[in-house]
Amino acid sequence: MVVGSLGEFIFRSDESGSAVTFSTIRVTRASKIVSHSTIEGDPVVDYAGNDSDKITLTGVLDASFNSDLDAAINSLRALQDGVPRAFTRGTHCYGTFIVQSFDYSEDAWCGSALQRATWTMLLISTRVLP
């Protein structure tokens, strides 16, 4: 089952042997605030618009759904290349994002084989210039 996509990369949840999906999405929108010092009293604070939207994706890779966890991790890491991509969940398009960071932790092993890993990816919105 297709859950979403980041450009050409498809997040899916199934038993195909190469399923990679996210379990949570956290969307953050912050304001740009400019502070001006004053001689006396509190600083003057001005609203300067919205900052870039940020989306944090978290997921779990499990050997029972993914035959090669190292390849799955490498495919997620490869998305951190500065290329703007459309991020979708179901039929909802969040906009165009680049991968700002990707991290993972290896949680369980069976002998030398990785059995489970959790990962986090931070996306930052961008404009696609003509």
C-alpha atoms as a PDB file:
ATOM      1  CA  MET A   1       0.000   0.000   0.000  1.00  0.00           C
ATOM      2  CA  VAL A   2       1.439   3.385  -1.022  1.00  0.00           C
ATOM      3  CA  VAL A   3       1.492   5.793   1.922  1.00  0.00           C
ATOM      4  CA  GLY A   4       3.163   8.788   0.265  1.00  0.00           C
ATOM      5  CA  SER A   5       6.170   9.947  -1.685  1.00  0.00           C
ATOM      6  CA  LEU A   6       9.118  12.299  -1.695  1.00  0.00           C
ATOM      7  CA  GLY A   7       9.654  12.963  -5.369  1.00  0.00           C
ATOM      8  CA  GLU A   8      10.321   9.643  -7.073  1.00  0.00           C
ATOM      9  CA  PHE A   9      10.834   7.854  -3.738  1.00  0.00           C
ATOM     10  CA  ILE A  10       7.694   5.935  -2.745  1.00  0.00           C
ATOM     11  CA  PHE A  11       6.878   5.301   0.911  1.00  0.00           C
ATOM     12  CA  ARG A  12       4.909   2.076   1.107  1.00  0.00           C
ATOM     13  CA  SER A  13       3.769  -0.381   3.711  1.00  0.00           C
ATOM     14  CA  ASP A  14       3.495  -3.962   2.526  1.00  0.00           C
ATOM     15  CA  GLU A  15       5.262  -7.273   2.664  1.00  0.00           C
ATOM     16  CA  SER A  16       7.115  -6.868  -0.636  1.00  0.00           C
ATOM     17  CA  GLY A  17      10.545  -7.269   0.950  1.00  0.00           C
ATOM     18  CA  SER A  18      11.493  -3.625   0.451  1.00  0.00           C
ATOM     19  CA  ALA A  19       8.765  -1.681   2.271  1.00  0.00           C
ATOM     20  CA  VAL A  20       9.825   1.689   3.699  1.00  0.00           C
ATOM     21  CA  THR A  21       7.302   3.991   5.295  1.00  0.00           C
ATOM     22  CA  PHE A  22       7.000   6.633   7.987  1.00  0.00           C
ATOM     23  CA  SER A  23       4.951   6.178  11.134  1.00  0.00           C
ATOM     24  CA  THR A  24       4.611   9.845  12.150  1.00  0.00           C
ATOM     25  CA  ILE A  25       4.625  13.245  10.494  1.00  0.00           C
ATOM     26  CA  ARG A  26       5.265  16.395  12.516  1.00  0.00           C
ATOM     27  CA  VAL A  27       4.724  19.720  10.712  1.00  0.00           C
ATOM     28  CA  THR A  28       6.284  22.880  12.148  1.00  0.00           C
ATOM     29  CA  ARG A  29       5.697  26.436  10.998  1.00  0.00           C
ATOM     30  CA  ALA A  30       7.612  29.187  12.772  1.00  0.00           C
ATOM     31  CA  SER A  31       7.498  32.954  12.423  1.00  0.00           C
ATOM     32  CA  LYS A  32      10.473  35.117  11.573  1.00  0.00           C
ATOM     33  CA  ILE A  33      10.901  37.512  14.468  1.00  0.00           C
ATOM     34  CA  VAL A  34      13.364  40.404  14.339  1.00  0.00           C
ATOM     35  CA  SER A  35      14.441  41.943  17.634  1.00  0.00           C
ATOM     36  CA  HIS A  36      15.844  45.491  17.894  1.00  0.00           C
ATOM     37  CA  SER A  37      17.698  46.551  21.023  1.00  0.00           C
ATOM     38  CA  THR A  38      16.684  49.801  22.664  1.00  0.00           C
ATOM     39  CA  ILE A  39      18.621  52.110  24.969  1.00  0.00           C
ATOM     40  CA  GLU A  40      16.012  51.837  27.692  1.00  0.00           C
ATOM     41  CA  GLY A  41      13.448  49.155  28.264  1.00  0.00           C
ATOM     42  CA  ASP A  42      12.545  46.002  26.438  1.00  0.00           C
ATOM     43  CA  PRO A  43      13.650  45.365  22.864  1.00  0.00           C
ATOM     44  CA  VAL A  44      11.300  46.116  19.987  1.00  0.00           C
ATOM     45  CA  VAL A  45      10.107  42.920  18.332  1.00  0.00           C
ATOM     46  CA  ASP A  46       8.798  42.813  14.760  1.00  0.00           C
ATOM     47  CA  TYR A  47       7.043  40.051  12.863  1.00  0.00           C
ATOM     48  CA  ALA A  48       8.837  39.480   9.549  1.00  0.00           C
ATOM     49  CA  GLY A  49       6.671  36.767   7.976  1.00  0.00           C
ATOM     50  CA  ASN A  50       6.752  33.001   8.138  1.00  0.00           C
ATOM     51  CA  ASP A  51       9.898  30.927   8.114  1.00  0.00           C
ATOM     52  CA  SER A  52      10.205  27.780   5.992  1.00  0.00           C
ATOM     53  CA  ASP A  53       7.854  24.951   6.937  1.00  0.00           C
ATOM     54  CA  LYS A  54       9.599  21.931   8.416  1.00  0.00           C
ATOM     55  CA  ILE A  55       8.345  18.366   8.388  1.00  0.00           C
ATOM     56  CA  THR A  56       9.813  15.657  10.582  1.00  0.00           C
ATOM     57  CA  LEU A  57       9.197  12.089   9.448  1.00  0.00           C
ATOM     58  CA  THR A  58       9.925   9.149  11.727  1.00  0.00           C
ATOM     59  CA  GLY A  59       9.732   5.492  10.913  1.00  0.00           C
ATOM     60  CA  VAL A  60      10.808   1.997  11.805  1.00  0.00           C
ATOM     61  CA  LEU A  61      12.500  -0.434   9.453  1.00  0.00           C
ATOM     62  CA  ASP A  62      11.920  -4.041  10.430  1.00  0.00           C
ATOM     63  CA  ALA A  63      13.466  -7.157   8.907  1.00  0.00           C
ATOM     64  CA  SER A  64      10.070  -8.875   8.892  1.00  0.00           C
ATOM     65  CA  PHE A  65       8.894  -6.338   6.257  1.00  0.00           C
ATOM     66  CA  ASN A  66      12.205  -5.489   4.629  1.00  0.00           C
ATOM     67  CA  SER A  67      14.687  -8.083   3.415  1.00  0.00           C
ATOM     68  CA  ASP A  68      17.669  -5.656   3.266  1.00  0.00           C
ATOM     69  CA  LEU A  69      17.619  -2.978   5.968  1.00  0.00           C
ATOM     70  CA  ASP A  70      21.014  -1.602   4.962  1.00  0.00           C
ATOM     71  CA  ALA A  71      19.752  -0.977   1.406  1.00  0.00           C
ATOM     72  CA  ALA A  72      16.615   0.697   2.784  1.00  0.00           C
ATOM     73  CA  ILE A  73      18.720   2.986   5.006  1.00  0.00           C
ATOM     74  CA  ASN A  74      20.977   3.826   2.065  1.00  0.00           C
ATOM     75  CA  SER A  75      17.973   4.669  -0.129  1.00  0.00           C
ATOM     76  CA  LEU A  76      16.693   7.086   2.537  1.00  0.00           C
ATOM     77  CA  ARG A  77      20.174   8.607   2.992  1.00  0.00           C
ATOM     78  CA  ALA A  78      20.445   9.148  -0.760  1.00  0.00           C
ATOM     79  CA  LEU A  79      17.497  11.565  -0.579  1.00  0.00           C
ATOM     80  CA  GLN A  80      19.751  14.046   1.276  1.00  0.00           C
ATOM     81  CA  ASP A  81      21.229  15.445  -1.929  1.00  0.00           C
ATOM     82  CA  GLY A  82      19.803  18.985  -2.025  1.00  0.00           C
ATOM     83  CA  VAL A  83      17.275  18.185  -4.754  1.00  0.00           C
ATOM     84  CA  PRO A  84      13.822  19.745  -4.168  1.00  0.00           C
ATOM     85  CA  ARG A  85      11.071  17.119  -4.229  1.00  0.00           C
ATOM     86  CA  ALA A  86       7.300  17.186  -3.761  1.00  0.00           C
ATOM     87  CA  PHE A  87       6.219  15.518  -0.505  1.00  0.00           C
ATOM     88  CA  THR A  88       2.844  13.791  -0.468  1.00  0.00           C
ATOM     89  CA  ARG A  89       0.859  11.718   2.003  1.00  0.00           C
ATOM     90  CA  GLY A  90      -2.009   9.922   0.353  1.00  0.00           C
ATOM     91  CA  THR A  91      -3.538  12.485  -2.018  1.00  0.00           C
ATOM     92  CA  HIS A  92      -2.382  15.513   0.023  1.00  0.00           C
ATOM     93  CA  CYS A  93       0.656  17.403  -1.336  1.00  0.00           C
ATOM     94  CA  TYR A  94       2.507  19.364   1.355  1.00  0.00           C
ATOM     95  CA  GLY A  95       4.714  21.248  -1.136  1.00  0.00           C
ATOM     96  CA  THR A  96       8.317  21.075  -2.287  1.00  0.00           C
ATOM     97  CA  PHE A  97      10.983  20.086   0.250  1.00  0.00           C
ATOM     98  CA  ILE A  98      14.647  19.209   0.529  1.00  0.00           C
ATOM     99  CA  VAL A  99      16.056  16.798   3.092  1.00  0.00           C
ATOM    100  CA  GLN A 100      17.905  18.829   5.715  1.00  0.00           C
ATOM    101  CA  SER A 101      18.955  15.876   7.873  1.00  0.00           C
ATOM    102  CA  PHE A 102      18.597  12.129   8.196  1.00  0.00           C
ATOM    103  CA  ASP A 103      19.519   9.998  11.185  1.00  0.00           C
ATOM    104  CA  TYR A 104      18.890   6.446  12.249  1.00  0.00           C
ATOM    105  CA  SER A 105      19.619   4.111  15.112  1.00  0.00           C
ATOM    106  CA  GLU A 106      20.193   0.387  14.906  1.00  0.00           C
ATOM    107  CA  ASP A 107      17.882  -1.119  17.496  1.00  0.00           C
ATOM    108  CA  ALA A 108      18.100  -4.907  17.218  1.00  0.00           C
ATOM    109  CA  TRP A 109      20.352  -7.543  15.707  1.00  0.00           C
ATOM    110  CA  CYS A 110      20.204 -11.266  15.121  1.00  0.00           C
ATOM    111  CA  GLY A 111      23.817 -12.337  14.981  1.00  0.00           C
ATOM    112  CA  SER A 112      25.454  -9.781  12.699  1.00  0.00           C
ATOM    113  CA  ALA A 113      22.258  -9.008  10.754  1.00  0.00           C
ATOM    114  CA  LEU A 114      20.338  -5.821  11.513  1.00  0.00           C
ATOM    115  CA  GLN A 115      16.746  -6.671  12.487  1.00  0.00           C
ATOM    116  CA  ARG A 116      15.249  -3.255  13.309  1.00  0.00           C
ATOM    117  CA  ALA A 117      16.216   0.392  12.885  1.00  0.00           C
ATOM    118  CA  THR A 118      14.386   3.618  13.679  1.00  0.00           C
ATOM    119  CA  TRP A 119      14.940   6.676  11.529  1.00  0.00           C
ATOM    120  CA  THR A 120      14.134  10.392  11.441  1.00  0.00           C
ATOM    121  CA  MET A 121      14.210  12.694   8.437  1.00  0.00           C
ATOM    122  CA  LEU A 122      13.878  16.486   8.604  1.00  0.00           C
ATOM    123  CA  LEU A 123      12.446  18.149   5.490  1.00  0.00           C
ATOM    124  CA  ILE A 124      12.542  21.902   4.916  1.00  0.00           C
ATOM    125  CA  SER A 125      10.241  23.642   2.438  1.00  0.00           C
ATOM    126  CA  THR A 126      11.743  25.381  -0.529  1.00  0.00           C
ATOM    127  CA  ARG A 127      10.617  27.300  -3.538  1.00  0.00           C
ATOM    128  CA  VAL A 128      11.445  25.885  -6.923  1.00  0.00           C
ATOM    129  CA  LEU A 129      12.932  28.758  -8.908  1.00  0.00           C
ATOM    130  CA  PRO A 130      12.164  28.986 -12.640  1.00  0.00           C
END
